[in-house]
Amino acid sequence: MFKLRKLALASLTLAHHLGGCAEIPASPAGSQERFFSAWTVSQNIAEKAPALSNHTVRMIVRPSIDGASLRIKLENTVAPAPVVFSAAYIGVLDKGAAIIPGTNKALKFNGQTALTLAAGASVYSDPLEFPVKAFQRLAVSLDVTEASAVATHSLGLATNYYAPGMHAGEASGEGFSPVPPNAQGIKAFPFYWITAVDVKSSTNKGTIVAIGDSITDGRCSTATDNGRGEVLPDLYQRWTDILARRLAALPSSYPKAVANEGIAGNRILAAGVTGPSALERLERDVLDRAGLTHVIFFEGTNDIFRGATPTQVIDGSRQIIERVHAKGAKIIGVTAIPRGRPEGASGTGLSTIQEQYRHEFNDWIRTRAGFDGVIDFDAVMAGGGKSPTGAEITRPAYTCDFVHPNAAGYKALGESIDLQLFQ
């Protein structure tokens, strides 16, 4: 388990000096522009298919704020082998894989167009002047010279593309096919290599990073027939998407950049087949995000379901609270939602003792944790009665499988958040 290390006094002094946000550097004279992470995903597993050497991949991103310039972050952190890129471009998406002509611009990395990322490595592109509009979809195209494994975020829920040959600099979508939608055995529509789009803004006040599991990642958010039908991409119906749209309508005194760092199956304490634990990835996925001012922490249900005690889950949560506060950011805790199953429903819900643990954990979040605010998703989702084990069941209108919300449930979660938490 990760053990919190004491930070040097100088680091704490710096965080205080920067007004509660150590990630935002002092602006140069005459400029108030800063970078904010406006779109993100978390890498969780490496895949071997499809074979992408001598191919172009075109990843579709959707920043949450306006700006006049940007940079992207590429990661190879979960892959066991290097990847070689010969070129990278970004443009405004038109239809399918096509880019609006005249908008596709070359990205460079330390002044170079080509890039080799070792296993475990990551890199930011050089800043690029590029007009960004909030919620406008952009296409990041990468010419992949050599790759034996693909560093992936599995549950992307966006249609991404690939094509044989080197076509990153071309606006045409001809020859591109959708990336295979299956990841980890489910329809997930994964992202390859790209993990962040940072947008430079003179008006935005901060970045809100949500770290969580599949309910933050968006499982069931786009599933038809209340979770029993087809999973659809490109709908942007996660609770973080709802939050971003609500923040966009507020005065400029509120932070507008929202970064989603959910990984389906994630736990606070232990890594699993779906990726690193929250403690292991906190620095990479949260504390290093540009312009960080607020963290929304929504984890713990998978730890309890997999056998952790409230003491263990609370201890891990305390470490995360301390590390976020040491960074100079605020952290908002989220209660664990019901996970009971009705009589006759398939699958396994929380046992009697696990339900007791969930209530103990939620009571700690609400009353003793030391969060800077609390979002009570448990109260939003409860109301479906009791399971045979006595565990609370999510209200039927809001759930797809008695674990994850459906589209209506995600909408209710996003709309329930008190926006003054971010003022």
Protein backbone atom coordinates (compact mmCIF):
# COMPACT_ATOMS: atom_id res chain seq x y z
CA MET A 1 0.00 0.00 0.00
CA PHE A 2 1.20 3.48 -0.82
CA LYS A 3 2.60 5.28 2.24
CA LEU A 4 2.26 9.05 2.28
CA ARG A 5 5.60 10.79 2.45
CA LYS A 6 5.97 14.13 4.18
CA LEU A 7 6.40 17.00 1.80
CA ALA A 8 9.12 19.56 2.28
CA LEU A 9 8.09 22.77 3.98
CA ALA A 10 9.04 24.68 0.84
CA SER A 11 6.45 22.75 -1.17
CA LEU A 12 3.71 23.56 1.32
CA THR A 13 4.74 27.21 1.33
CA LEU A 14 4.54 27.27 -2.48
CA ALA A 15 1.05 25.75 -2.44
CA HIS A 16 -0.10 28.42 0.02
CA HIS A 17 1.54 31.20 -1.97
CA LEU A 18 -0.33 30.17 -5.12
CA GLY A 19 -3.71 30.62 -3.49
CA GLY A 20 -4.57 26.96 -2.94
CA CYS A 21 -3.47 25.64 -6.33
CA ALA A 22 0.16 24.64 -6.53
CA GLU A 23 -0.30 23.33 -10.07
CA ILE A 24 -1.02 26.77 -11.57
CA PRO A 25 2.28 28.64 -12.10
CA ALA A 26 2.66 32.38 -11.76
CA SER A 27 1.77 34.11 -15.01
CA PRO A 28 4.40 35.96 -17.00
CA ALA A 29 4.20 39.74 -16.93
CA GLY A 30 1.32 40.98 -19.07
CA SER A 31 -0.28 37.54 -19.41
CA GLN A 32 -2.92 35.75 -17.41
CA GLU A 33 -3.13 32.69 -19.65
CA ARG A 34 -2.57 29.28 -18.09
CA PHE A 35 -3.04 25.67 -19.15
CA PHE A 36 -5.97 23.67 -17.80
CA SER A 37 -6.64 19.98 -18.40
CA ALA A 38 -9.88 20.21 -20.36
CA TRP A 39 -10.22 16.57 -21.47
CA THR A 40 -8.55 13.48 -20.00
CA VAL A 41 -8.67 9.70 -19.74
CA SER A 42 -6.68 7.29 -17.56
CA GLN A 43 -4.61 4.53 -19.12
CA ASN A 44 -5.41 1.20 -17.52
CA ILE A 45 -4.34 -1.77 -19.69
CA ALA A 46 -2.21 -2.61 -22.72
CA GLU A 47 -3.73 -4.44 -25.68
CA LYS A 48 -1.99 -6.42 -28.41
CA ALA A 49 -4.71 -5.97 -31.04
CA PRO A 50 -5.25 -4.47 -33.48
CA ALA A 51 -1.77 -4.48 -35.02
CA LEU A 52 -1.01 -0.79 -35.48
CA SER A 53 2.54 -0.61 -36.85
CA ASN A 54 2.52 1.51 -40.04
CA HIS A 55 -0.97 2.76 -39.27
CA THR A 56 -2.60 6.06 -38.37
CA VAL A 57 -4.87 6.26 -35.35
CA ARG A 58 -7.37 9.11 -35.06
CA MET A 59 -8.62 9.71 -31.52
CA ILE A 60 -11.66 11.94 -30.92
CA VAL A 61 -11.44 14.29 -27.92
CA ARG A 62 -13.87 16.87 -26.51
CA PRO A 63 -12.36 19.68 -24.39
CA SER A 64 -14.62 21.32 -21.80
CA ILE A 65 -13.39 24.95 -22.10
CA ASP A 66 -12.57 27.57 -24.73
CA GLY A 67 -9.03 28.68 -25.41
CA ALA A 68 -6.56 30.05 -27.94
CA SER A 69 -3.91 27.33 -27.73
CA LEU A 70 -3.46 23.75 -26.55
CA ARG A 71 -1.10 20.88 -25.91
CA ILE A 72 -1.72 17.14 -25.71
CA LYS A 73 -0.28 14.45 -23.49
CA LEU A 74 0.68 11.02 -24.83
CA GLU A 75 1.38 8.14 -22.47
CA ASN A 76 2.83 4.68 -22.83
CA THR A 77 2.66 4.04 -19.10
CA VAL A 78 0.88 0.67 -19.16
CA ALA A 79 2.60 -0.82 -22.21
CA PRO A 80 5.52 -3.28 -21.98
CA ALA A 81 7.33 -2.02 -25.09
CA PRO A 82 8.20 1.27 -26.82
CA VAL A 83 6.00 2.96 -29.41
CA VAL A 84 7.34 5.06 -32.29
CA PHE A 85 5.35 7.93 -33.82
CA SER A 86 6.46 9.71 -36.99
CA ALA A 87 3.90 12.54 -36.84
CA ALA A 88 1.00 13.93 -34.80
CA TYR A 89 -1.75 16.35 -35.83
CA ILE A 90 -4.88 17.88 -34.33
CA GLY A 91 -7.89 19.26 -36.20
CA VAL A 92 -11.61 19.96 -35.85
CA LEU A 93 -13.70 16.85 -36.48
CA ASP A 94 -16.19 17.00 -39.34
CA LYS A 95 -18.14 13.78 -39.95
CA GLY A 96 -16.96 10.24 -39.33
CA ALA A 97 -13.16 10.29 -39.37
CA ALA A 98 -12.99 13.38 -41.59
CA ILE A 99 -11.48 16.66 -40.40
CA ILE A 100 -12.71 20.10 -41.44
CA PRO A 101 -10.29 21.21 -44.19
CA GLY A 102 -7.80 23.84 -43.11
CA THR A 103 -7.99 23.01 -39.40
CA ASN A 104 -5.52 20.11 -39.20
CA LYS A 105 -2.27 21.31 -37.60
CA ALA A 106 1.00 19.52 -36.85
CA LEU A 107 2.04 18.91 -33.26
CA LYS A 108 5.67 18.83 -32.16
CA PHE A 109 7.46 17.36 -29.18
CA ASN A 110 10.48 19.36 -28.04
CA GLY A 111 10.58 20.83 -31.53
CA GLN A 112 10.50 17.45 -33.29
CA THR A 113 7.72 15.82 -35.31
CA ALA A 114 8.85 12.26 -34.58
CA LEU A 115 8.70 10.70 -31.13
CA THR A 116 9.66 7.46 -29.45
CA LEU A 117 7.96 6.71 -26.12
CA ALA A 118 9.63 4.06 -23.99
CA ALA A 119 7.56 1.64 -21.94
CA GLY A 120 6.25 3.58 -18.95
CA ALA A 121 7.01 6.99 -20.48
CA SER A 122 4.81 10.01 -21.15
CA VAL A 123 5.26 13.37 -22.89
CA TYR A 124 3.50 16.68 -23.52
CA SER A 125 3.47 18.21 -26.97
CA ASP A 126 4.79 21.72 -27.46
CA PRO A 127 2.08 24.39 -27.10
CA LEU A 128 0.20 25.01 -30.35
CA GLU A 129 -1.86 28.05 -31.29
CA PHE A 130 -5.26 26.55 -31.98
CA PRO A 131 -8.76 28.01 -31.37
CA VAL A 132 -10.65 25.69 -29.02
CA LYS A 133 -14.40 25.86 -28.42
CA ALA A 134 -15.88 24.12 -25.40
CA PHE A 135 -17.48 20.77 -26.29
CA GLN A 136 -16.35 20.93 -29.93
CA ARG A 137 -14.90 17.57 -30.94
CA LEU A 138 -11.31 17.48 -32.13
CA ALA A 139 -9.38 14.72 -33.89
CA VAL A 140 -5.88 13.82 -32.70
CA SER A 141 -4.12 11.82 -35.43
CA LEU A 142 -0.97 9.81 -34.76
CA ASP A 143 1.19 8.16 -37.40
CA VAL A 144 2.37 4.96 -35.69
CA THR A 145 5.61 3.63 -37.16
CA GLU A 146 6.07 0.78 -34.70
CA ALA A 147 3.95 -0.60 -31.85
CA SER A 148 3.83 -4.13 -30.47
CA ALA A 149 1.33 -3.19 -27.75
CA VAL A 150 -1.25 -0.45 -27.39
CA ALA A 151 -1.50 1.64 -24.22
CA THR A 152 -5.24 1.96 -23.74
CA HIS A 153 -8.06 3.51 -21.80
CA SER A 154 -10.68 0.82 -22.19
CA LEU A 155 -14.04 2.49 -21.53
CA GLY A 156 -13.78 5.49 -23.85
CA LEU A 157 -17.36 5.52 -25.19
CA ALA A 158 -16.26 7.45 -28.29
CA THR A 159 -15.84 6.26 -31.87
CA ASN A 160 -12.13 6.40 -32.66
CA TYR A 161 -10.52 5.41 -35.95
CA TYR A 162 -7.49 3.79 -37.57
CA ALA A 163 -6.21 3.29 -41.11
CA PRO A 164 -3.28 1.55 -42.80
CA GLY A 165 -0.51 3.90 -43.85
CA MET A 166 0.53 7.34 -42.65
CA HIS A 167 -2.38 9.79 -42.93
CA ALA A 168 -2.19 12.00 -39.82
CA GLY A 169 -1.69 15.16 -41.89
CA GLU A 170 -4.67 14.46 -44.15
CA ALA A 171 -8.13 15.89 -43.52
CA SER A 172 -9.91 13.13 -45.40
CA GLY A 173 -11.51 10.29 -43.50
CA GLU A 174 -11.19 7.96 -46.47
CA GLY A 175 -9.63 4.60 -45.56
CA PHE A 176 -10.30 4.96 -41.83
CA SER A 177 -12.32 2.36 -39.96
CA PRO A 178 -13.67 2.51 -36.41
CA VAL A 179 -11.30 1.12 -33.80
CA PRO A 180 -12.57 -2.30 -32.63
CA PRO A 181 -15.15 -1.44 -29.94
CA ASN A 182 -14.49 -4.37 -27.63
CA ALA A 183 -12.13 -3.98 -24.69
CA GLN A 184 -11.93 -6.32 -21.70
CA GLY A 185 -14.71 -8.40 -23.25
CA ILE A 186 -17.33 -5.63 -23.45
CA LYS A 187 -18.37 -2.84 -25.80
CA ALA A 188 -16.21 0.00 -24.53
CA PHE A 189 -14.79 1.99 -27.51
CA PRO A 190 -11.21 2.48 -26.22
CA PHE A 191 -8.69 5.31 -26.56
CA TYR A 192 -5.09 4.67 -27.62
CA TRP A 193 -2.08 6.58 -26.18
CA ILE A 194 -3.64 10.01 -25.75
CA THR A 195 -4.51 10.90 -22.14
CA ALA A 196 -4.98 14.68 -21.96
CA VAL A 197 -5.79 17.83 -23.88
CA ASP A 198 -4.72 20.95 -21.99
CA VAL A 199 -6.22 24.25 -23.13
CA LYS A 200 -4.69 27.64 -22.39
CA SER A 201 -7.23 30.12 -21.06
CA SER A 202 -7.14 33.61 -19.56
CA THR A 203 -10.62 33.34 -18.01
CA ASN A 204 -10.97 29.81 -16.60
CA LYS A 205 -10.48 29.56 -12.83
CA GLY A 206 -9.43 25.94 -12.42
CA THR A 207 -9.60 22.26 -13.30
CA ILE A 208 -11.93 19.85 -11.51
CA VAL A 209 -10.59 16.27 -11.65
CA ALA A 210 -12.95 13.38 -10.91
CA ILE A 211 -11.20 10.16 -9.86
CA GLY A 212 -13.37 7.09 -9.62
CA ASP A 213 -14.39 3.68 -10.87
CA SER A 214 -16.86 2.54 -13.54
CA ILE A 215 -19.58 4.93 -12.36
CA THR A 216 -17.24 7.84 -13.10
CA ASP A 217 -15.96 6.12 -16.25
CA GLY A 218 -19.55 5.94 -17.51
CA ARG A 219 -20.50 2.28 -17.75
CA CYS A 220 -24.19 1.97 -18.75
CA SER A 221 -24.42 5.73 -19.40
CA THR A 222 -25.10 5.12 -23.11
CA ALA A 223 -26.71 1.68 -22.98
CA THR A 224 -30.13 1.35 -24.56
CA ASP A 225 -33.12 -0.48 -23.08
CA ASN A 226 -32.15 0.46 -19.53
CA GLY A 227 -28.80 -1.26 -19.81
CA ARG A 228 -29.95 -4.43 -21.51
CA GLY A 229 -29.53 -3.26 -25.09
CA GLU A 230 -26.77 -1.89 -27.25
CA VAL A 231 -23.96 0.33 -25.94
CA LEU A 232 -23.76 3.50 -28.04
CA PRO A 233 -20.73 5.80 -28.41
CA ASP A 234 -20.47 9.59 -28.73
CA LEU A 235 -23.37 10.56 -26.45
CA TYR A 236 -21.42 12.13 -23.53
CA GLN A 237 -23.90 11.24 -20.78
CA ARG A 238 -21.64 10.56 -17.80
CA TRP A 239 -22.25 12.52 -14.61
CA THR A 240 -19.04 14.46 -15.30
CA ASP A 241 -20.42 15.46 -18.71
CA ILE A 242 -23.57 16.77 -17.04
CA LEU A 243 -21.44 18.66 -14.50
CA ALA A 244 -19.29 20.24 -17.23
CA ARG A 245 -22.33 21.49 -19.12
CA ARG A 246 -23.81 22.99 -15.94
CA LEU A 247 -20.55 24.74 -15.07
CA ALA A 248 -20.26 26.15 -18.59
CA ALA A 249 -23.40 28.23 -18.02
CA LEU A 250 -22.09 29.84 -14.81
CA PRO A 251 -20.20 33.14 -14.36
CA SER A 252 -16.48 33.20 -15.02
CA SER A 253 -15.70 33.03 -11.29
CA TYR A 254 -16.28 29.25 -11.39
CA PRO A 255 -13.81 26.67 -12.72
CA LYS A 256 -15.05 25.22 -16.00
CA ALA A 257 -12.49 22.57 -16.98
CA VAL A 258 -13.63 19.07 -16.01
CA ALA A 259 -11.29 16.07 -16.30
CA ASN A 260 -12.64 12.53 -15.99
CA GLU A 261 -10.15 10.05 -14.48
CA GLY A 262 -12.46 7.07 -14.02
CA ILE A 263 -11.32 3.48 -14.55
CA ALA A 264 -13.94 0.74 -14.58
CA GLY A 265 -13.29 -1.71 -11.75
CA ASN A 266 -10.93 0.67 -9.95
CA ARG A 267 -10.21 0.36 -6.24
CA ILE A 268 -8.53 2.64 -3.73
CA LEU A 269 -6.22 0.05 -2.23
CA ALA A 270 -5.43 -2.70 -4.69
CA ALA A 271 -4.57 -2.86 -8.36
CA GLY A 272 -6.53 -5.32 -10.46
CA VAL A 273 -6.95 -6.64 -13.98
CA THR A 274 -8.48 -3.30 -14.98
CA GLY A 275 -5.53 -1.15 -13.97
CA PRO A 276 -3.62 0.51 -11.12
CA SER A 277 -5.25 1.45 -7.81
CA ALA A 278 -6.33 5.00 -6.99
CA LEU A 279 -3.38 5.35 -4.61
CA GLU A 280 -0.94 4.20 -7.28
CA ARG A 281 -2.26 6.48 -10.01
CA LEU A 282 -3.12 9.58 -7.99
CA GLU A 283 0.02 11.50 -8.97
CA ARG A 284 -0.22 10.59 -12.65
CA ASP A 285 -3.95 11.01 -13.16
CA VAL A 286 -4.90 13.73 -10.67
CA LEU A 287 -2.12 15.73 -9.03
CA ASP A 288 -0.24 16.26 -12.30
CA ARG A 289 -3.26 17.63 -14.18
CA ALA A 290 -2.83 21.23 -15.31
CA GLY A 291 -4.64 23.91 -13.34
CA LEU A 292 -5.87 21.54 -10.64
CA THR A 293 -8.08 23.28 -8.06
CA HIS A 294 -10.65 20.61 -7.05
CA VAL A 295 -10.73 16.81 -6.84
CA ILE A 296 -13.95 14.81 -6.71
CA PHE A 297 -13.15 11.50 -5.01
CA PHE A 298 -15.69 8.75 -5.76
CA GLU A 299 -14.15 5.40 -4.87
CA GLY A 300 -14.58 2.62 -2.32
CA THR A 301 -17.48 0.47 -3.46
CA ASN A 302 -15.22 -1.99 -5.28
CA ASP A 303 -12.90 -2.23 -2.28
CA ILE A 304 -15.83 -3.15 -0.02
CA PHE A 305 -17.25 -5.58 -2.57
CA ARG A 306 -13.84 -7.27 -2.88
CA GLY A 307 -13.42 -7.76 0.86
CA ALA A 308 -11.85 -4.63 2.32
CA THR A 309 -12.95 -3.43 5.76
CA PRO A 310 -14.10 0.12 6.52
CA THR A 311 -10.86 0.71 8.44
CA GLN A 312 -8.80 -0.21 5.38
CA VAL A 313 -10.90 1.85 2.96
CA ILE A 314 -10.88 4.86 5.28
CA ASP A 315 -7.11 4.62 5.76
CA GLY A 316 -6.56 4.66 2.00
CA SER A 317 -9.00 7.54 1.59
CA ARG A 318 -7.18 9.55 4.27
CA GLN A 319 -3.92 9.18 2.35
CA ILE A 320 -5.59 10.55 -0.77
CA ILE A 321 -7.12 13.49 1.15
CA GLU A 322 -3.72 14.35 2.62
CA ARG A 323 -1.94 14.17 -0.72
CA VAL A 324 -4.52 16.36 -2.46
CA HIS A 325 -4.39 18.94 0.34
CA ALA A 326 -0.59 18.89 0.22
CA LYS A 327 -0.89 19.78 -3.47
CA GLY A 328 -2.92 22.85 -2.49
CA ALA A 329 -6.22 21.64 -4.00
CA LYS A 330 -9.62 21.01 -2.45
CA ILE A 331 -11.08 17.51 -2.32
CA ILE A 332 -14.79 16.67 -2.33
CA GLY A 333 -15.90 13.23 -1.13
CA VAL A 334 -18.73 11.24 -2.71
CA THR A 335 -20.80 8.63 -0.88
CA ALA A 336 -20.96 5.03 -2.13
CA ILE A 337 -24.29 4.29 -3.83
CA PRO A 338 -26.51 1.23 -3.10
CA ARG A 339 -25.44 -2.13 -4.50
CA GLY A 340 -28.11 -4.57 -3.36
CA ARG A 341 -29.96 -6.86 -5.77
CA PRO A 342 -33.65 -7.77 -5.75
CA GLU A 343 -34.81 -11.34 -5.25
CA GLY A 344 -34.19 -13.30 -8.44
CA ALA A 345 -31.82 -10.79 -10.04
CA SER A 346 -28.65 -12.20 -11.58
CA GLY A 347 -25.23 -11.40 -10.16
CA THR A 348 -24.08 -10.76 -6.63
CA GLY A 349 -24.95 -7.73 -4.55
CA LEU A 350 -23.53 -6.60 -1.24
CA SER A 351 -23.78 -9.07 1.64
CA THR A 352 -25.19 -8.10 5.02
CA ILE A 353 -21.75 -7.26 6.43
CA GLN A 354 -20.68 -5.43 3.25
CA GLU A 355 -23.80 -3.25 3.47
CA GLN A 356 -22.86 -2.44 7.05
CA TYR A 357 -19.37 -1.51 5.83
CA ARG A 358 -20.85 0.74 3.13
CA HIS A 359 -22.91 2.62 5.72
CA GLU A 360 -19.87 3.00 7.99
CA PHE A 361 -17.82 4.35 5.11
CA ASN A 362 -20.56 6.77 4.06
CA ASP A 363 -21.03 7.99 7.64
CA TRP A 364 -17.31 8.73 7.82
CA ILE A 365 -17.47 10.62 4.49
CA ARG A 366 -20.41 12.74 5.66
CA THR A 367 -19.25 13.56 9.18
CA ARG A 368 -15.58 12.91 9.98
CA ALA A 369 -13.42 12.59 6.87
CA GLY A 370 -12.22 16.17 6.58
CA PHE A 371 -13.29 16.63 2.98
CA ASP A 372 -13.76 20.18 1.74
CA GLY A 373 -17.28 19.23 0.70
CA VAL A 374 -19.51 16.19 0.23
CA ILE A 375 -21.62 15.03 -2.75
CA ASP A 376 -24.26 12.58 -1.53
CA PHE A 377 -24.85 10.28 -4.51
CA ASP A 378 -26.12 7.62 -2.09
CA ALA A 379 -29.12 9.80 -1.25
CA VAL A 380 -29.85 10.36 -4.97
CA MET A 381 -29.81 6.66 -5.89
CA ALA A 382 -31.43 5.06 -2.84
CA GLY A 383 -35.10 4.10 -2.80
CA GLY A 384 -35.40 0.68 -4.41
CA GLY A 385 -36.12 -1.26 -1.23
CA LYS A 386 -34.00 -3.96 0.40
CA SER A 387 -32.31 -7.05 -1.00
CA PRO A 388 -32.57 -10.49 0.67
CA THR A 389 -29.32 -9.63 2.49
CA GLY A 390 -30.76 -6.33 3.72
CA ALA A 391 -28.66 -4.24 1.34
CA GLU A 392 -30.24 -1.09 -0.08
CA ILE A 393 -31.28 -1.35 -3.75
CA THR A 394 -30.96 1.51 -6.23
CA ARG A 395 -34.29 2.95 -7.33
CA PRO A 396 -35.30 1.05 -10.51
CA ALA A 397 -35.75 4.16 -12.64
CA TYR A 398 -32.07 5.07 -12.15
CA THR A 399 -30.19 1.77 -12.60
CA CYS A 400 -29.23 -0.52 -15.44
CA ASP A 401 -27.92 -3.50 -13.45
CA PHE A 402 -28.25 -2.60 -9.71
CA VAL A 403 -24.58 -1.55 -9.71
CA HIS A 404 -24.34 1.22 -12.32
CA PRO A 405 -26.75 4.05 -13.08
CA ASN A 406 -28.56 4.19 -16.41
CA ALA A 407 -28.73 7.38 -18.48
CA ALA A 408 -31.47 8.81 -16.24
CA GLY A 409 -29.43 7.94 -13.16
CA TYR A 410 -26.29 9.61 -14.50
CA LYS A 411 -28.31 12.71 -15.34
CA ALA A 412 -29.75 12.78 -11.81
CA LEU A 413 -26.25 12.43 -10.30
CA GLY A 414 -24.80 15.23 -12.41
CA GLU A 415 -27.71 17.54 -11.68
CA SER A 416 -27.60 16.86 -7.93
CA ILE A 417 -24.15 18.37 -7.42
CA ASP A 418 -24.12 21.70 -5.58
CA LEU A 419 -22.08 23.93 -7.87
CA GLN A 420 -21.16 26.24 -5.00
CA LEU A 421 -18.69 23.52 -3.94
CA PHE A 422 -16.45 24.88 -6.70
CA GLN A 423 -16.96 28.60 -6.20
